[in-house]
Amino acid sequence: MATVAAQISPNVQLSELLGEWVVAIVEKRGNSYTRSFLDKAFAESFAEGQRVRLGIRTALAVALVTEADCLSTPTVRSR
């Protein structure tokens, strides 16, 4: 039986939330964290670097998050 960590696919999410750009990262071992940026270009650059670091080959997807979505996790992920 595979461990939980082995079943997690790394991903990077870029979302706009309340005027800030948020990059959410899930690493290969399941560790996750977020970084927020005021400037979209900085957020995109950081997200792209994380995508490369994690070995994710596809382009990033962007989720536009509204205030109503603040209590839920964005579902758009890079593949």
PDB file of N, CA and C in Angstrom:
ATOM      1  N   MET A   1       0.838  -1.180   0.000  1.00  0.00           N
ATOM      2  CA  MET A   1       0.000   0.000   0.000  1.00  0.00           C
ATOM      3  C   MET A   1       0.884   1.244   0.000  1.00  0.00           C
ATOM      4  N   ALA A   2       0.571   2.200  -0.858  1.00  0.00           N
ATOM      5  CA  ALA A   2       1.361   3.431  -0.970  1.00  0.00           C
ATOM      6  C   ALA A   2       1.082   4.352   0.216  1.00  0.00           C
ATOM      7  N   THR A   3       2.091   5.109   0.591  1.00  0.00           N
ATOM      8  CA  THR A   3       1.905   6.061   1.675  1.00  0.00           C
ATOM      9  C   THR A   3       1.153   7.284   1.161  1.00  0.00           C
ATOM     10  N   VAL A   4       0.599   8.048   2.073  1.00  0.00           N
ATOM     11  CA  VAL A   4      -0.138   9.256   1.696  1.00  0.00           C
ATOM     12  C   VAL A   4       0.772  10.233   0.962  1.00  0.00           C
ATOM     13  N   ALA A   5       2.003  10.404   1.445  1.00  0.00           N
ATOM     14  CA  ALA A   5       2.932  11.342   0.816  1.00  0.00           C
ATOM     15  C   ALA A   5       3.236  10.944  -0.624  1.00  0.00           C
ATOM     16  N   ALA A   6       3.296   9.644  -0.898  1.00  0.00           N
ATOM     17  CA  ALA A   6       3.599   9.186  -2.249  1.00  0.00           C
ATOM     18  C   ALA A   6       2.446   9.477  -3.209  1.00  0.00           C
ATOM     19  N   GLN A   7       1.230   9.673  -2.701  1.00  0.00           N
ATOM     20  CA  GLN A   7       0.058   9.894  -3.533  1.00  0.00           C
ATOM     21  C   GLN A   7      -0.164  11.371  -3.858  1.00  0.00           C
ATOM     22  N   ILE A   8       0.576  12.253  -3.251  1.00  0.00           N
ATOM     23  CA  ILE A   8       0.380  13.687  -3.450  1.00  0.00           C
ATOM     24  C   ILE A   8       1.163  14.162  -4.663  1.00  0.00           C
ATOM     25  N   SER A   9       0.475  14.831  -5.566  1.00  0.00           N
ATOM     26  CA  SER A   9       1.140  15.422  -6.722  1.00  0.00           C
ATOM     27  C   SER A   9       1.502  16.858  -6.388  1.00  0.00           C
ATOM     28  N   PRO A  10       2.733  17.260  -6.615  1.00  0.00           N
ATOM     29  CA  PRO A  10       3.090  18.653  -6.346  1.00  0.00           C
ATOM     30  C   PRO A  10       2.314  19.562  -7.287  1.00  0.00           C
ATOM     31  N   ASN A  11       1.939  20.728  -6.794  1.00  0.00           N
ATOM     32  CA  ASN A  11       1.253  21.687  -7.648  1.00  0.00           C
ATOM     33  C   ASN A  11       1.490  23.097  -7.160  1.00  0.00           C
ATOM     34  N   VAL A  12       1.257  24.031  -8.065  1.00  0.00           N
ATOM     35  CA  VAL A  12       1.397  25.460  -7.782  1.00  0.00           C
ATOM     36  C   VAL A  12       0.139  26.141  -8.275  1.00  0.00           C
ATOM     37  N   GLN A  13      -0.467  26.950  -7.413  1.00  0.00           N
ATOM     38  CA  GLN A  13      -1.669  27.687  -7.764  1.00  0.00           C
ATOM     39  C   GLN A  13      -1.398  29.177  -7.650  1.00  0.00           C
ATOM     40  N   LEU A  14      -1.894  29.933  -8.599  1.00  0.00           N
ATOM     41  CA  LEU A  14      -1.778  31.394  -8.572  1.00  0.00           C
ATOM     42  C   LEU A  14      -3.186  31.950  -8.564  1.00  0.00           C
ATOM     43  N   SER A  15      -3.525  32.704  -7.515  1.00  0.00           N
ATOM     44  CA  SER A  15      -4.876  33.230  -7.354  1.00  0.00           C
ATOM     45  C   SER A  15      -4.838  34.717  -7.055  1.00  0.00           C
ATOM     46  N   GLU A  16      -5.861  35.432  -7.504  1.00  0.00           N
ATOM     47  CA  GLU A  16      -6.039  36.819  -7.102  1.00  0.00           C
ATOM     48  C   GLU A  16      -7.063  36.816  -5.979  1.00  0.00           C
ATOM     49  N   LEU A  17      -6.707  37.416  -4.859  1.00  0.00           N
ATOM     50  CA  LEU A  17      -7.577  37.406  -3.692  1.00  0.00           C
ATOM     51  C   LEU A  17      -7.530  38.761  -3.006  1.00  0.00           C
ATOM     52  N   LEU A  18      -8.632  39.467  -3.067  1.00  0.00           N
ATOM     53  CA  LEU A  18      -8.777  40.739  -2.363  1.00  0.00           C
ATOM     54  C   LEU A  18      -7.654  41.723  -2.699  1.00  0.00           C
ATOM     55  N   GLY A  19      -7.315  41.817  -3.972  1.00  0.00           N
ATOM     56  CA  GLY A  19      -6.312  42.775  -4.409  1.00  0.00           C
ATOM     57  C   GLY A  19      -4.878  42.315  -4.295  1.00  0.00           C
ATOM     58  N   GLU A  20      -4.651  41.112  -3.819  1.00  0.00           N
ATOM     59  CA  GLU A  20      -3.301  40.549  -3.738  1.00  0.00           C
ATOM     60  C   GLU A  20      -3.230  39.304  -4.614  1.00  0.00           C
ATOM     61  N   TRP A  21      -2.022  38.955  -4.998  1.00  0.00           N
ATOM     62  CA  TRP A  21      -1.774  37.737  -5.763  1.00  0.00           C
ATOM     63  C   TRP A  21      -1.172  36.719  -4.820  1.00  0.00           C
ATOM     64  N   VAL A  22      -1.794  35.540  -4.732  1.00  0.00           N
ATOM     65  CA  VAL A  22      -1.395  34.509  -3.787  1.00  0.00           C
ATOM     66  C   VAL A  22      -0.892  33.290  -4.559  1.00  0.00           C
ATOM     67  N   VAL A  23       0.294  32.818  -4.187  1.00  0.00           N
ATOM     68  CA  VAL A  23       0.860  31.608  -4.769  1.00  0.00           C
ATOM     69  C   VAL A  23       0.790  30.522  -3.693  1.00  0.00           C
ATOM     70  N   ALA A  24       0.069  29.453  -3.991  1.00  0.00           N
ATOM     71  CA  ALA A  24      -0.049  28.317  -3.078  1.00  0.00           C
ATOM     72  C   ALA A  24       0.751  27.159  -3.656  1.00  0.00           C
ATOM     73  N   ILE A  25       1.601  26.566  -2.839  1.00  0.00           N
ATOM     74  CA  ILE A  25       2.492  25.501  -3.285  1.00  0.00           C
ATOM     75  C   ILE A  25       2.245  24.251  -2.455  1.00  0.00           C
ATOM     76  N   VAL A  26       2.124  23.103  -3.126  1.00  0.00           N
ATOM     77  CA  VAL A  26       2.109  21.805  -2.458  1.00  0.00           C
ATOM     78  C   VAL A  26       3.319  21.054  -2.982  1.00  0.00           C
ATOM     79  N   GLU A  27       4.205  20.666  -2.059  1.00  0.00           N
ATOM     80  CA  GLU A  27       5.434  19.986  -2.447  1.00  0.00           C
ATOM     81  C   GLU A  27       5.238  18.476  -2.537  1.00  0.00           C
ATOM     82  N   LYS A  28       6.242  17.777  -3.041  1.00  0.00           N
ATOM     83  CA  LYS A  28       6.174  16.341  -3.281  1.00  0.00           C
ATOM     84  C   LYS A  28       5.863  15.538  -2.020  1.00  0.00           C
ATOM     85  N   ARG A  29       6.332  15.990  -0.888  1.00  0.00           N
ATOM     86  CA  ARG A  29       6.090  15.270   0.371  1.00  0.00           C
ATOM     87  C   ARG A  29       4.824  15.733   1.081  1.00  0.00           C
ATOM     88  N   GLY A  30       4.055  16.600   0.439  1.00  0.00           N
ATOM     89  CA  GLY A  30       2.793  17.040   1.016  1.00  0.00           C
ATOM     90  C   GLY A  30       2.858  18.345   1.779  1.00  0.00           C
ATOM     91  N   ASN A  31       4.060  18.907   1.970  1.00  0.00           N
ATOM     92  CA  ASN A  31       4.170  20.202   2.636  1.00  0.00           C
ATOM     93  C   ASN A  31       3.522  21.262   1.767  1.00  0.00           C
ATOM     94  N   SER A  32       2.783  22.156   2.390  1.00  0.00           N
ATOM     95  CA  SER A  32       2.153  23.222   1.616  1.00  0.00           C
ATOM     96  C   SER A  32       2.356  24.565   2.303  1.00  0.00           C
ATOM     97  N   TYR A  33       2.404  25.605   1.499  1.00  0.00           N
ATOM     98  CA  TYR A  33       2.542  26.957   2.017  1.00  0.00           C
ATOM     99  C   TYR A  33       2.081  27.955   0.966  1.00  0.00           C
ATOM    100  N   THR A  34       1.884  29.194   1.388  1.00  0.00           N
ATOM    101  CA  THR A  34       1.470  30.256   0.474  1.00  0.00           C
ATOM    102  C   THR A  34       2.368  31.472   0.639  1.00  0.00           C
ATOM    103  N   ARG A  35       2.450  32.249  -0.412  1.00  0.00           N
ATOM    104  CA  ARG A  35       3.144  33.544  -0.404  1.00  0.00           C
ATOM    105  C   ARG A  35       2.228  34.529  -1.115  1.00  0.00           C
ATOM    106  N   SER A  36       2.124  35.743  -0.586  1.00  0.00           N
ATOM    107  CA  SER A  36       1.274  36.748  -1.233  1.00  0.00           C
ATOM    108  C   SER A  36       2.130  37.902  -1.748  1.00  0.00           C
ATOM    109  N   PHE A  37       1.663  38.495  -2.841  1.00  0.00           N
ATOM    110  CA  PHE A  37       2.378  39.572  -3.524  1.00  0.00           C
ATOM    111  C   PHE A  37       1.380  40.653  -3.919  1.00  0.00           C
ATOM    112  N   LEU A  38       1.816  41.897  -3.892  1.00  0.00           N
ATOM    113  CA  LEU A  38       0.987  42.993  -4.384  1.00  0.00           C
ATOM    114  C   LEU A  38       1.090  43.123  -5.899  1.00  0.00           C
ATOM    115  N   ASP A  39       2.220  42.720  -6.446  1.00  0.00           N
ATOM    116  CA  ASP A  39       2.474  42.850  -7.876  1.00  0.00           C
ATOM    117  C   ASP A  39       2.284  41.500  -8.584  1.00  0.00           C
ATOM    118  N   LYS A  40       1.428  41.484  -9.599  1.00  0.00           N
ATOM    119  CA  LYS A  40       1.131  40.247 -10.328  1.00  0.00           C
ATOM    120  C   LYS A  40       2.386  39.654 -10.971  1.00  0.00           C
ATOM    121  N   ALA A  41       3.232  40.492 -11.559  1.00  0.00           N
ATOM    122  CA  ALA A  41       4.436  39.995 -12.229  1.00  0.00           C
ATOM    123  C   ALA A  41       5.371  39.278 -11.250  1.00  0.00           C
ATOM    124  N   PHE A  42       5.511  39.799 -10.046  1.00  0.00           N
ATOM    125  CA  PHE A  42       6.349  39.147  -9.041  1.00  0.00           C
ATOM    126  C   PHE A  42       5.751  37.794  -8.659  1.00  0.00           C
ATOM    127  N   ALA A  43       4.433  37.747  -8.483  1.00  0.00           N
ATOM    128  CA  ALA A  43       3.759  36.495  -8.131  1.00  0.00           C
ATOM    129  C   ALA A  43       3.934  35.460  -9.236  1.00  0.00           C
ATOM    130  N   GLU A  44       3.766  35.883 -10.481  1.00  0.00           N
ATOM    131  CA  GLU A  44       3.929  34.960 -11.604  1.00  0.00           C
ATOM    132  C   GLU A  44       5.355  34.437 -11.688  1.00  0.00           C
ATOM    133  N   SER A  45       6.324  35.301 -11.468  1.00  0.00           N
ATOM    134  CA  SER A  45       7.724  34.897 -11.510  1.00  0.00           C
ATOM    135  C   SER A  45       8.039  33.898 -10.399  1.00  0.00           C
ATOM    136  N   PHE A  46       7.573  34.179  -9.193  1.00  0.00           N
ATOM    137  CA  PHE A  46       7.781  33.271  -8.071  1.00  0.00           C
ATOM    138  C   PHE A  46       7.121  31.922  -8.344  1.00  0.00           C
ATOM    139  N   ALA A  47       5.881  31.953  -8.822  1.00  0.00           N
ATOM    140  CA  ALA A  47       5.147  30.719  -9.112  1.00  0.00           C
ATOM    141  C   ALA A  47       5.856  29.900 -10.187  1.00  0.00           C
ATOM    142  N   GLU A  48       6.348  30.564 -11.206  1.00  0.00           N
ATOM    143  CA  GLU A  48       7.059  29.865 -12.277  1.00  0.00           C
ATOM    144  C   GLU A  48       8.328  29.203 -11.738  1.00  0.00           C
ATOM    145  N   GLY A  49       9.049  29.900 -10.879  1.00  0.00           N
ATOM    146  CA  GLY A  49      10.243  29.322 -10.268  1.00  0.00           C
ATOM    147  C   GLY A  49       9.924  28.092  -9.428  1.00  0.00           C
ATOM    148  N   GLN A  50       8.820  28.142  -8.698  1.00  0.00           N
ATOM    149  CA  GLN A  50       8.404  26.993  -7.893  1.00  0.00           C
ATOM    150  C   GLN A  50       7.985  25.828  -8.783  1.00  0.00           C
ATOM    151  N   ARG A  51       7.313  26.141  -9.887  1.00  0.00           N
ATOM    152  CA  ARG A  51       6.910  25.106 -10.844  1.00  0.00           C
ATOM    153  C   ARG A  51       8.142  24.377 -11.378  1.00  0.00           C
ATOM    154  N   VAL A  52       9.162  25.130 -11.748  1.00  0.00           N
ATOM    155  CA  VAL A  52      10.397  24.538 -12.261  1.00  0.00           C
ATOM    156  C   VAL A  52      11.087  23.729 -11.157  1.00  0.00           C
ATOM    157  N   ARG A  53      11.174  24.285  -9.960  1.00  0.00           N
ATOM    158  CA  ARG A  53      11.829  23.603  -8.832  1.00  0.00           C
ATOM    159  C   ARG A  53      11.167  22.262  -8.529  1.00  0.00           C
ATOM    160  N   LEU A  54       9.833  22.224  -8.640  1.00  0.00           N
ATOM    161  CA  LEU A  54       9.098  21.000  -8.326  1.00  0.00           C
ATOM    162  C   LEU A  54       9.013  20.030  -9.503  1.00  0.00           C
ATOM    163  N   GLY A  55       9.509  20.444 -10.665  1.00  0.00           N
ATOM    164  CA  GLY A  55       9.488  19.566 -11.828  1.00  0.00           C
ATOM    165  C   GLY A  55       8.134  19.440 -12.496  1.00  0.00           C
ATOM    166  N   ILE A  56       7.286  20.445 -12.325  1.00  0.00           N
ATOM    167  CA  ILE A  56       5.972  20.444 -12.967  1.00  0.00           C
ATOM    168  C   ILE A  56       6.161  20.995 -14.369  1.00  0.00           C
ATOM    169  N   ARG A  57       5.752  20.232 -15.369  1.00  0.00           N
ATOM    170  CA  ARG A  57       6.069  20.586 -16.752  1.00  0.00           C
ATOM    171  C   ARG A  57       5.056  21.493 -17.431  1.00  0.00           C
ATOM    172  N   THR A  58       3.855  21.577 -16.943  1.00  0.00           N
ATOM    173  CA  THR A  58       2.840  22.380 -17.632  1.00  0.00           C
ATOM    174  C   THR A  58       2.798  23.804 -17.099  1.00  0.00           C
ATOM    175  N   ALA A  59       2.159  24.666 -17.859  1.00  0.00           N
ATOM    176  CA  ALA A  59       2.031  26.073 -17.472  1.00  0.00           C
ATOM    177  C   ALA A  59       1.114  26.208 -16.261  1.00  0.00           C
ATOM    178  N   LEU A  60       1.246  27.333 -15.591  1.00  0.00           N
ATOM    179  CA  LEU A  60       0.410  27.612 -14.431  1.00  0.00           C
ATOM    180  C   LEU A  60      -1.002  27.998 -14.844  1.00  0.00           C
ATOM    181  N   ALA A  61      -1.943  27.651 -14.004  1.00  0.00           N
ATOM    182  CA  ALA A  61      -3.321  28.096 -14.183  1.00  0.00           C
ATOM    183  C   ALA A  61      -3.576  29.201 -13.162  1.00  0.00           C
ATOM    184  N   VAL A  62      -4.416  30.147 -13.507  1.00  0.00           N
ATOM    185  CA  VAL A  62      -4.721  31.255 -12.616  1.00  0.00           C
ATOM    186  C   VAL A  62      -6.171  31.147 -12.177  1.00  0.00           C
ATOM    187  N   ALA A  63      -6.389  31.210 -10.873  1.00  0.00           N
ATOM    188  CA  ALA A  63      -7.746  31.185 -10.331  1.00  0.00           C
ATOM    189  C   ALA A  63      -8.083  32.580  -9.829  1.00  0.00           C
ATOM    190  N   LEU A  64      -9.189  33.120 -10.291  1.00  0.00           N
ATOM    191  CA  LEU A  64      -9.649  34.399  -9.778  1.00  0.00           C
ATOM    192  C   LEU A  64     -10.602  34.110  -8.630  1.00  0.00           C
ATOM    193  N   VAL A  65     -10.215  34.525  -7.434  1.00  0.00           N
ATOM    194  CA  VAL A  65     -10.961  34.203  -6.226  1.00  0.00           C
ATOM    195  C   VAL A  65     -11.710  35.437  -5.754  1.00  0.00           C
ATOM    196  N   THR A  66     -12.982  35.251  -5.441  1.00  0.00           N
ATOM    197  CA  THR A  66     -13.798  36.349  -4.931  1.00  0.00           C
ATOM    198  C   THR A  66     -13.843  36.271  -3.410  1.00  0.00           C
ATOM    199  N   GLU A  67     -14.418  37.284  -2.779  1.00  0.00           N
ATOM    200  CA  GLU A  67     -14.547  37.265  -1.328  1.00  0.00           C
ATOM    201  C   GLU A  67     -15.352  36.063  -0.858  1.00  0.00           C
ATOM    202  N   ALA A  68     -16.358  35.658  -1.630  1.00  0.00           N
ATOM    203  CA  ALA A  68     -17.174  34.506  -1.260  1.00  0.00           C
ATOM    204  C   ALA A  68     -16.362  33.221  -1.248  1.00  0.00           C
ATOM    205  N   ASP A  69     -15.291  33.177  -2.004  1.00  0.00           N
ATOM    206  CA  ASP A  69     -14.449  31.985  -2.085  1.00  0.00           C
ATOM    207  C   ASP A  69     -13.412  31.911  -0.966  1.00  0.00           C
ATOM    208  N   CYS A  70     -13.303  32.941  -0.167  1.00  0.00           N
ATOM    209  CA  CYS A  70     -12.225  33.019   0.825  1.00  0.00           C
ATOM    210  C   CYS A  70     -12.220  31.860   1.814  1.00  0.00           C
ATOM    211  N   LEU A  71     -13.359  31.265   2.060  1.00  0.00           N
ATOM    212  CA  LEU A  71     -13.430  30.174   3.019  1.00  0.00           C
ATOM    213  C   LEU A  71     -13.134  28.822   2.395  1.00  0.00           C
ATOM    214  N   SER A  72     -12.989  28.773   1.074  1.00  0.00           N
ATOM    215  CA  SER A  72     -12.703  27.503   0.410  1.00  0.00           C
ATOM    216  C   SER A  72     -11.340  27.558  -0.266  1.00  0.00           C
ATOM    217  N   THR A  73     -10.831  26.408  -0.637  1.00  0.00           N
ATOM    218  CA  THR A  73      -9.534  26.298  -1.301  1.00  0.00           C
ATOM    219  C   THR A  73      -9.726  26.417  -2.803  1.00  0.00           C
ATOM    220  N   PRO A  74      -8.918  27.226  -3.499  1.00  0.00           N
ATOM    221  CA  PRO A  74      -9.029  27.289  -4.966  1.00  0.00           C
ATOM    222  C   PRO A  74      -8.812  25.911  -5.576  1.00  0.00           C
ATOM    223  N   THR A  75      -9.572  25.602  -6.633  1.00  0.00           N
ATOM    224  CA  THR A  75      -9.500  24.275  -7.223  1.00  0.00           C
ATOM    225  C   THR A  75      -8.713  24.233  -8.511  1.00  0.00           C
ATOM    226  N   VAL A  76      -8.311  25.366  -9.041  1.00  0.00           N
ATOM    227  CA  VAL A  76      -7.552  25.375 -10.295  1.00  0.00           C
ATOM    228  C   VAL A  76      -6.105  25.052  -9.972  1.00  0.00           C
ATOM    229  N   ARG A  77      -5.546  24.063 -10.643  1.00  0.00           N
ATOM    230  CA  ARG A  77      -4.166  23.644 -10.382  1.00  0.00           C
ATOM    231  C   ARG A  77      -3.414  23.501 -11.677  1.00  0.00           C
ATOM    232  N   SER A  78      -2.121  23.609 -11.584  1.00  0.00           N
ATOM    233  CA  SER A  78      -1.310  23.296 -12.762  1.00  0.00           C
ATOM    234  C   SER A  78      -1.210  21.784 -12.843  1.00  0.00           C
ATOM    235  N   ARG A  79      -1.023  21.280 -14.040  1.00  0.00           N
ATOM    236  CA  ARG A  79      -0.976  19.815 -14.210  1.00  0.00           C
ATOM    237  C   ARG A  79       0.382  19.387 -14.645  1.00  0.00           C
TER     238      ARG A  79
END
